[in-house]
Amino acid sequence: MRAVFLSPAFPPEMIQYTRGLSEVGAEVLGIGDTRRAALPAEVRPHLHDYLEVPRILDEDDVMARATAWLRGKSVDRVLANWEVLVMLAARMRDRWGLPGMSPDTVRGFRDKELMKERVRAAGLRVPRSRRVRTKREVYEAAEAIGLPLILKPIAGAGSADTYAVRTRAELEAALEATRGVPEASCEEYVQGEEFTFDTVCIDGKPAFENVAAYLPKPLEARSQEWVSPVIITVRDMYQERLAPGVELGRKVLTALGMGDGFTHMEWFLTPRGEAIFGEIGCRPGGAHLVDQMNYTCDIDLFREWARVATWQKFEAPTARKYNVGIVFKRAAGRGRIARIDGLREWLREAGPWAVEEKLLREGTPRRNWKQTLLSDGHVIVRHPEWAEAQRLSFAAATGIKIYAE
């Protein structure tokens, strides 16, 4: 089994997927724009070979270089788990006649308007929306859809360049902020709670499923610096209240023609109990969501994804043991981290239920909170009872303080 894996060292979590491929017996051929000499020590043992390219996002150039590099070699899979590379992987599979999702299928997971069209055509509830390219089209869409609405890039990820618009003034501000976005989706703002539906699929059928709650909604967390975003995986994901979202998610996979691998969907639960589709990607969720799912079941989904992607088998147990909360912290102030208050007290309170603490240490430059949900580090806590997992998560959100100077 020879598997080409795109960008095996960046973003950093791709190292774990590379490891997973190696551990299930695949010969991993990496392609990326990380310099060969700069490849992290953790990834090197898991790479059989590596092609360094000038720009991994230059699809035509990468395809030409990879074709020449692999001439005379047999390849069984082309894989990617970074959002911006899933289309390149599909194009390479198509060009080389390899199994896996086609470019047209992947386009349905990347183009937010095409995505909603295909989901809507399957009779599923999606937000009313329009594709927009000019200011005039945005104004027309806003008139047709009504306020409040959401303006977001057609091919974006992680709430980047995404804006909630409640007034005409906010619409003008959003237009100014998205001047560099060539194509956007203007869609209905859905009132309700926001959840994920995550899977590892074999032939479009989930071998593993997960639901996580966003507290608060990602868009709210990305617009207010003082917020410590919290995400909690739900141990009892098949409870009656969440059943409409799970059913919706499974039907969305069918509507979009999912094949093998990870999916990450976001959906809304309205006060009336209706599940409404948000968006979906044919790749894993970011911001350590896979780590959370691993802690939920005490398994290794990096390796199980690799087993699915290469051998179409999932061997890990799927019993859900814990609700797992991750809390992202943002420092007050600018410059370098000066001190952390409340961490020792929270760790003492959480006791054995605190499973990970990776906050930036003193002297480290604080991160730009608008550019990364990871902010200035995180803590992870788990507990078999939802109420206690939620309580400990919000104790960290309110009780741990980071200061920068």
Protein backbone atom coordinates (compact mmCIF):
# COMPACT_ATOMS: atom_id res chain seq x y z
CA MET A 1 0.00 0.00 0.00
CA ARG A 2 1.60 3.23 -1.21
CA ALA A 3 -0.15 6.40 -0.09
CA VAL A 4 0.66 9.93 -1.21
CA PHE A 5 -0.14 12.27 1.68
CA LEU A 6 -0.24 15.99 0.99
CA SER A 7 1.51 18.34 3.45
CA PRO A 8 2.57 15.73 6.02
CA ALA A 9 4.11 18.27 8.41
CA PHE A 10 1.77 21.28 8.24
CA PRO A 11 -0.53 22.13 9.92
CA PRO A 12 1.20 20.38 12.85
CA GLU A 13 -1.60 17.84 13.40
CA MET A 14 -0.83 16.40 9.96
CA ILE A 15 2.17 14.74 11.58
CA GLN A 16 -0.25 12.52 13.50
CA TYR A 17 -2.07 11.43 10.34
CA THR A 18 1.28 10.64 8.73
CA ARG A 19 2.12 8.53 11.77
CA GLY A 20 -1.24 6.79 11.49
CA LEU A 21 -0.64 5.85 7.87
CA SER A 22 2.76 4.44 8.70
CA GLU A 23 1.43 2.46 11.66
CA VAL A 24 -1.25 0.70 9.59
CA GLY A 25 1.36 -0.47 7.13
CA ALA A 26 1.27 2.15 4.39
CA GLU A 27 4.39 3.36 2.62
CA VAL A 28 3.91 7.13 2.97
CA LEU A 29 5.07 9.40 0.14
CA GLY A 30 4.79 12.95 1.40
CA ILE A 31 4.45 16.06 -0.75
CA GLY A 32 4.71 19.52 0.81
CA ASP A 33 6.35 22.92 0.76
CA THR A 34 8.06 22.45 4.11
CA ARG A 35 11.77 22.27 3.33
CA ARG A 36 13.08 18.74 3.56
CA ALA A 37 15.76 19.86 5.98
CA ALA A 38 13.10 21.49 8.18
CA LEU A 39 10.81 18.47 8.46
CA PRO A 40 10.08 17.87 12.17
CA ALA A 41 11.88 14.93 13.76
CA GLU A 42 8.51 13.39 14.73
CA VAL A 43 7.41 12.99 11.10
CA ARG A 44 10.64 11.77 9.53
CA PRO A 45 10.44 8.11 10.68
CA HIS A 46 6.98 7.80 9.12
CA LEU A 47 7.88 9.05 5.63
CA HIS A 48 9.18 6.61 3.04
CA ASP A 49 9.99 9.50 0.70
CA TYR A 50 9.26 13.20 0.38
CA LEU A 51 8.85 15.64 -2.51
CA GLU A 52 9.52 19.27 -1.65
CA VAL A 53 7.56 21.67 -3.85
CA PRO A 54 7.79 25.49 -4.00
CA ARG A 55 4.09 26.13 -3.20
CA ILE A 56 1.74 23.35 -2.10
CA LEU A 57 -1.29 25.50 -3.06
CA ASP A 58 -0.15 25.83 -6.69
CA GLU A 59 -2.20 22.84 -7.82
CA ASP A 60 -1.06 22.61 -11.45
CA ASP A 61 2.61 22.91 -10.51
CA VAL A 62 2.30 20.31 -7.74
CA MET A 63 0.53 17.89 -10.08
CA ALA A 64 3.23 18.27 -12.73
CA ARG A 65 6.08 17.80 -10.25
CA ALA A 66 4.39 14.86 -8.53
CA THR A 67 3.68 13.14 -11.85
CA ALA A 68 7.34 13.38 -12.83
CA TRP A 69 8.49 12.28 -9.35
CA LEU A 70 6.26 9.21 -9.31
CA ARG A 71 6.88 8.13 -12.90
CA GLY A 72 7.53 4.40 -12.91
CA LYS A 73 6.13 3.92 -9.38
CA SER A 74 2.77 2.46 -8.47
CA VAL A 75 0.57 4.48 -6.08
CA ASP A 76 -2.62 3.25 -4.38
CA ARG A 77 -4.02 6.33 -2.63
CA VAL A 78 -3.77 10.13 -2.66
CA LEU A 79 -4.92 11.63 0.64
CA ALA A 80 -5.25 15.05 2.27
CA ASN A 81 -6.75 16.17 5.58
CA TRP A 82 -6.08 19.91 5.29
CA GLU A 83 -9.13 21.76 3.93
CA VAL A 84 -7.24 23.70 1.28
CA LEU A 85 -5.73 20.52 -0.21
CA VAL A 86 -8.71 18.19 -0.52
CA MET A 87 -9.41 19.38 -4.08
CA LEU A 88 -5.80 18.92 -5.14
CA ALA A 89 -5.92 15.34 -3.82
CA ALA A 90 -9.11 14.73 -5.80
CA ARG A 91 -7.57 16.12 -8.99
CA MET A 92 -4.49 13.94 -8.55
CA ARG A 93 -6.64 10.83 -8.03
CA ASP A 94 -8.64 11.72 -11.12
CA ARG A 95 -5.53 12.26 -13.23
CA TRP A 96 -3.87 9.03 -12.11
CA GLY A 97 -7.02 6.86 -12.12
CA LEU A 98 -6.94 6.09 -8.39
CA PRO A 99 -9.85 5.26 -6.06
CA GLY A 100 -11.39 7.98 -3.92
CA MET A 101 -13.78 10.88 -4.22
CA SER A 102 -13.83 12.72 -7.55
CA PRO A 103 -13.25 16.45 -8.01
CA ASP A 104 -16.98 16.98 -8.54
CA THR A 105 -17.84 15.20 -5.30
CA VAL A 106 -15.19 17.13 -3.37
CA ARG A 107 -16.45 20.38 -4.89
CA GLY A 108 -19.74 19.72 -3.10
CA PHE A 109 -17.84 19.78 0.20
CA ARG A 110 -15.81 22.90 -0.64
CA ASP A 111 -18.23 25.22 -2.43
CA LYS A 112 -20.72 26.33 0.22
CA GLU A 113 -23.45 27.29 -2.23
CA LEU A 114 -23.14 24.12 -4.32
CA MET A 115 -23.09 22.21 -1.02
CA LYS A 116 -26.38 23.75 0.10
CA GLU A 117 -27.93 23.22 -3.34
CA ARG A 118 -27.17 19.50 -3.22
CA VAL A 119 -28.33 19.15 0.39
CA ARG A 120 -31.49 21.13 -0.35
CA ALA A 121 -32.19 18.96 -3.39
CA ALA A 122 -32.24 15.94 -1.05
CA GLY A 123 -35.14 17.52 0.82
CA LEU A 124 -33.11 18.60 3.84
CA ARG A 125 -33.46 21.92 5.67
CA VAL A 126 -30.69 24.39 4.89
CA PRO A 127 -30.45 28.16 5.44
CA ARG A 128 -31.80 30.33 2.61
CA SER A 129 -28.79 31.68 0.75
CA ARG A 130 -27.30 33.19 -2.38
CA ARG A 131 -23.90 33.20 -4.06
CA VAL A 132 -22.56 36.77 -4.25
CA ARG A 133 -19.57 38.30 -6.02
CA THR A 134 -20.30 42.04 -6.02
CA LYS A 135 -21.65 44.64 -3.61
CA ARG A 136 -24.82 44.88 -5.67
CA GLU A 137 -25.39 41.13 -5.40
CA VAL A 138 -24.89 41.33 -1.63
CA TYR A 139 -27.46 44.11 -1.34
CA GLU A 140 -29.92 42.13 -3.45
CA ALA A 141 -29.35 39.00 -1.39
CA ALA A 142 -29.81 40.93 1.85
CA GLU A 143 -33.09 42.32 0.53
CA ALA A 144 -34.34 38.86 -0.45
CA ILE A 145 -33.15 36.98 2.65
CA GLY A 146 -33.64 39.72 5.22
CA LEU A 147 -31.62 40.63 8.29
CA PRO A 148 -29.98 39.18 10.29
CA LEU A 149 -27.79 37.20 7.90
CA ILE A 150 -24.32 35.65 7.59
CA LEU A 151 -21.73 36.66 5.00
CA LYS A 152 -18.93 34.11 4.53
CA PRO A 153 -16.47 32.92 1.86
CA ILE A 154 -17.63 30.23 -0.55
CA ALA A 155 -14.56 28.08 0.21
CA GLY A 156 -13.66 29.27 3.70
CA ALA A 157 -13.04 27.31 6.89
CA GLY A 158 -13.00 27.95 10.62
CA SER A 159 -15.19 31.11 10.56
CA ALA A 160 -12.43 33.08 8.81
CA ASP A 161 -13.78 36.21 7.05
CA THR A 162 -17.27 35.30 8.32
CA TYR A 163 -19.57 38.01 9.66
CA ALA A 164 -22.97 38.19 11.32
CA VAL A 165 -24.91 41.12 9.89
CA ARG A 166 -27.82 42.56 11.88
CA THR A 167 -27.97 46.14 10.60
CA ARG A 168 -27.19 48.08 7.43
CA ALA A 169 -24.12 49.54 9.17
CA GLU A 170 -22.85 46.02 9.98
CA LEU A 171 -23.47 45.05 6.34
CA GLU A 172 -21.28 47.91 5.15
CA ALA A 173 -18.58 46.96 7.66
CA ALA A 174 -18.68 43.31 6.55
CA LEU A 175 -18.39 44.34 2.90
CA GLU A 176 -15.34 46.44 3.72
CA ALA A 177 -13.76 43.59 5.72
CA THR A 178 -14.30 41.04 2.94
CA ARG A 179 -13.07 43.14 0.01
CA GLY A 180 -10.40 40.54 -0.72
CA VAL A 181 -12.90 37.64 -0.85
CA PRO A 182 -13.73 36.99 -4.53
CA GLU A 183 -16.88 34.95 -3.93
CA ALA A 184 -19.10 34.66 -0.87
CA SER A 185 -22.27 33.10 0.46
CA CYS A 186 -24.95 35.37 1.86
CA GLU A 187 -27.24 33.25 4.03
CA GLU A 188 -30.01 33.29 6.58
CA TYR A 189 -28.93 33.63 10.22
CA VAL A 190 -30.30 30.64 12.12
CA GLN A 191 -31.33 31.16 15.74
CA GLY A 192 -30.42 28.24 17.97
CA GLU A 193 -27.63 26.19 19.48
CA GLU A 194 -24.75 25.05 17.28
CA PHE A 195 -23.30 21.53 17.25
CA THR A 196 -20.94 19.41 15.18
CA PHE A 197 -21.58 16.03 13.60
CA ASP A 198 -18.24 14.36 12.95
CA THR A 199 -17.64 11.01 11.30
CA VAL A 200 -15.08 8.61 9.96
CA CYS A 201 -16.80 7.01 6.99
CA ILE A 202 -16.36 3.88 4.90
CA ASP A 203 -18.18 4.21 1.57
CA GLY A 204 -20.15 7.11 3.02
CA LYS A 205 -21.42 5.16 6.04
CA PRO A 206 -20.16 6.28 9.47
CA ALA A 207 -17.91 3.78 11.20
CA PHE A 208 -17.48 6.40 13.93
CA GLU A 209 -19.75 9.30 14.89
CA ASN A 210 -19.42 12.26 17.24
CA VAL A 211 -21.45 15.27 18.34
CA ALA A 212 -19.89 18.27 20.06
CA ALA A 213 -21.50 21.44 21.41
CA TYR A 214 -20.10 24.92 20.69
CA LEU A 215 -20.39 27.20 23.72
CA PRO A 216 -20.90 29.88 22.48
CA LYS A 217 -21.37 29.68 18.69
CA PRO A 218 -18.04 29.92 16.82
CA LEU A 219 -18.99 33.20 15.16
CA GLU A 220 -19.71 34.80 18.53
CA ALA A 221 -16.47 33.41 19.98
CA ARG A 222 -14.50 34.77 17.03
CA SER A 223 -15.96 38.27 17.39
CA GLN A 224 -15.40 38.94 21.12
CA GLU A 225 -11.85 38.82 22.45
CA TRP A 226 -12.78 38.35 26.11
CA VAL A 227 -14.62 35.07 25.39
CA SER A 228 -12.90 31.76 26.21
CA PRO A 229 -14.41 29.45 23.57
CA VAL A 230 -15.57 26.08 24.92
CA ILE A 231 -16.31 22.95 22.88
CA ILE A 232 -17.63 19.82 24.60
CA THR A 233 -18.11 16.41 22.99
CA VAL A 234 -21.39 14.84 24.06
CA ARG A 235 -21.06 11.37 25.54
CA ASP A 236 -24.79 10.66 25.13
CA MET A 237 -24.92 11.80 21.51
CA TYR A 238 -27.88 9.57 20.65
CA GLN A 239 -30.23 11.21 23.15
CA GLU A 240 -33.65 12.21 21.83
CA ARG A 241 -32.84 15.92 21.79
CA LEU A 242 -29.87 15.49 19.43
CA ALA A 243 -31.36 12.72 17.28
CA PRO A 244 -32.60 15.14 14.55
CA GLY A 245 -29.03 16.38 14.03
CA VAL A 246 -27.58 12.89 13.80
CA GLU A 247 -30.27 11.88 11.29
CA LEU A 248 -29.65 15.06 9.31
CA GLY A 249 -25.92 14.42 9.27
CA ARG A 250 -26.25 10.90 7.94
CA LYS A 251 -28.58 12.07 5.17
CA VAL A 252 -26.19 14.89 4.23
CA LEU A 253 -23.41 12.33 3.72
CA THR A 254 -25.61 10.45 1.27
CA ALA A 255 -26.72 13.63 -0.50
CA LEU A 256 -23.11 14.71 -1.10
CA GLY A 257 -21.77 11.29 -2.10
CA MET A 258 -19.25 10.91 0.73
CA GLY A 259 -16.64 8.17 0.31
CA ASP A 260 -13.95 7.18 2.84
CA GLY A 261 -12.46 9.36 5.56
CA PHE A 262 -13.26 12.12 8.00
CA THR A 263 -16.17 14.56 7.79
CA HIS A 264 -16.85 17.58 9.97
CA MET A 265 -20.35 19.06 9.83
CA GLU A 266 -21.89 21.95 11.74
CA TRP A 267 -25.63 22.16 12.36
CA PHE A 268 -28.13 24.18 14.35
CA LEU A 269 -30.79 23.07 16.82
CA THR A 270 -33.59 25.63 16.94
CA PRO A 271 -35.71 26.34 20.03
CA ARG A 272 -38.48 24.28 18.36
CA GLY A 273 -36.19 21.25 18.11
CA GLU A 274 -35.58 21.49 14.35
CA ALA A 275 -32.15 20.49 13.01
CA ILE A 276 -30.86 22.81 10.26
CA PHE A 277 -27.77 22.12 8.19
CA GLY A 278 -24.88 24.57 8.46
CA GLU A 279 -21.92 23.32 6.41
CA ILE A 280 -19.66 20.29 6.05
CA GLY A 281 -16.11 19.44 5.04
CA CYS A 282 -14.67 16.12 3.88
CA ARG A 283 -11.82 16.42 6.37
CA PRO A 284 -11.40 16.31 10.16
CA GLY A 285 -12.41 19.17 12.39
CA GLY A 286 -9.57 21.40 13.49
CA ALA A 287 -8.74 23.00 16.85
CA HIS A 288 -7.89 19.65 18.51
CA LEU A 289 -11.37 18.21 17.90
CA VAL A 290 -9.82 14.86 16.93
CA ASP A 291 -7.91 14.87 20.24
CA GLN A 292 -11.22 15.48 22.03
CA MET A 293 -12.83 12.55 20.24
CA ASN A 294 -9.86 10.37 21.16
CA TYR A 295 -10.30 11.31 24.82
CA THR A 296 -14.04 10.65 24.53
CA CYS A 297 -13.54 7.00 23.61
CA ASP A 298 -9.91 6.35 24.61
CA ILE A 299 -8.92 5.53 21.02
CA ASP A 300 -6.55 6.80 18.31
CA LEU A 301 -8.56 8.26 15.42
CA PHE A 302 -5.40 9.39 13.63
CA ARG A 303 -4.57 5.73 13.17
CA GLU A 304 -8.18 4.60 12.57
CA TRP A 305 -8.63 7.22 9.84
CA ALA A 306 -5.49 5.85 8.20
CA ARG A 307 -6.82 2.30 8.42
CA VAL A 308 -10.07 3.42 6.79
CA ALA A 309 -8.32 5.47 4.10
CA THR A 310 -6.05 2.60 3.07
CA TRP A 311 -7.73 -0.68 3.99
CA GLN A 312 -11.39 0.41 4.48
CA LYS A 313 -11.42 -1.02 7.99
CA PHE A 314 -12.17 0.55 11.38
CA GLU A 315 -10.99 -1.52 14.33
CA ALA A 316 -11.17 0.72 17.41
CA PRO A 317 -14.00 0.45 19.97
CA THR A 318 -16.64 3.18 19.63
CA ALA A 319 -18.13 3.11 23.15
CA ARG A 320 -18.40 6.69 24.40
CA LYS A 321 -16.96 6.98 27.92
CA TYR A 322 -16.68 10.71 28.57
CA ASN A 323 -17.92 14.19 27.78
CA VAL A 324 -14.73 16.04 26.85
CA GLY A 325 -14.39 19.81 27.06
CA ILE A 326 -11.65 21.93 25.52
CA VAL A 327 -11.27 25.53 26.65
CA PHE A 328 -9.24 28.02 24.60
CA LYS A 329 -7.75 30.92 26.52
CA ARG A 330 -6.90 34.43 25.32
CA ALA A 331 -4.48 36.69 27.12
CA ALA A 332 -5.42 40.17 28.25
CA GLY A 333 -2.98 42.75 26.93
CA ARG A 334 -0.43 42.71 24.14
CA GLY A 335 3.11 41.48 23.75
CA ARG A 336 4.47 38.48 25.65
CA ILE A 337 2.79 36.29 28.22
CA ALA A 338 3.59 37.75 31.64
CA ARG A 339 1.68 35.51 34.04
CA ILE A 340 -1.12 32.97 34.41
CA ASP A 341 -3.53 33.20 37.35
CA GLY A 342 -5.95 30.53 38.52
CA LEU A 343 -4.40 27.58 36.68
CA ARG A 344 -3.05 25.83 39.76
CA GLU A 345 -6.39 26.20 41.53
CA TRP A 346 -8.32 24.86 38.54
CA LEU A 347 -6.02 21.86 38.15
CA ARG A 348 -6.50 21.08 41.83
CA GLU A 349 -10.29 21.33 41.45
CA ALA A 350 -10.41 19.22 38.29
CA GLY A 351 -8.08 16.59 39.70
CA PRO A 352 -7.84 13.44 37.55
CA TRP A 353 -10.45 14.77 35.11
CA ALA A 354 -7.97 17.34 33.72
CA VAL A 355 -6.23 15.46 30.91
CA GLU A 356 -4.30 18.17 29.04
CA GLU A 357 -2.89 21.62 29.76
CA LYS A 358 -1.08 23.44 26.97
CA LEU A 359 -1.21 27.15 27.78
CA LEU A 360 1.52 29.44 26.46
CA ARG A 361 4.22 30.01 29.03
CA GLU A 362 5.74 33.24 30.32
CA GLY A 363 7.87 35.02 27.75
CA THR A 364 6.03 33.53 24.78
CA PRO A 365 4.53 36.07 22.32
CA ARG A 366 0.76 35.95 22.51
CA ARG A 367 -1.06 34.87 19.35
CA ASN A 368 -3.43 36.88 17.20
CA TRP A 369 -6.78 35.65 18.51
CA LYS A 370 -8.55 36.72 15.29
CA GLN A 371 -6.39 34.42 13.19
CA THR A 372 -6.53 31.23 15.24
CA LEU A 373 -9.08 29.61 17.53
CA LEU A 374 -6.13 28.03 19.36
CA SER A 375 -5.48 31.48 20.83
CA ASP A 376 -2.97 31.38 23.71
CA GLY A 377 -3.34 27.71 24.52
CA HIS A 378 -5.92 25.37 25.95
CA VAL A 379 -6.90 22.95 28.67
CA ILE A 380 -8.90 19.74 28.23
CA VAL A 381 -11.11 18.14 30.86
CA ARG A 382 -13.34 15.09 30.70
CA HIS A 383 -16.00 13.50 32.88
CA PRO A 384 -18.63 10.79 32.41
CA GLU A 385 -21.38 13.20 33.57
CA TRP A 386 -22.32 16.08 31.25
CA ALA A 387 -23.08 18.53 34.06
CA GLU A 388 -19.68 18.05 35.67
CA ALA A 389 -17.78 18.24 32.38
CA GLN A 390 -19.61 21.48 31.60
CA ARG A 391 -19.01 22.89 35.10
CA LEU A 392 -15.28 22.18 35.00
CA SER A 393 -14.99 23.57 31.48
CA PHE A 394 -16.59 26.86 32.44
CA ALA A 395 -14.59 26.98 35.67
CA ALA A 396 -11.52 27.06 33.42
CA ALA A 397 -13.13 29.59 31.08
CA THR A 398 -13.84 32.04 33.91
CA GLY A 399 -11.21 31.15 36.51
CA ILE A 400 -7.98 30.92 34.50
CA LYS A 401 -6.57 34.31 33.50
CA ILE A 402 -3.63 34.95 31.21
CA TYR A 403 -1.94 38.36 31.04
CA ALA A 404 0.41 39.72 28.39
CA GLU A 405 2.67 42.79 28.50
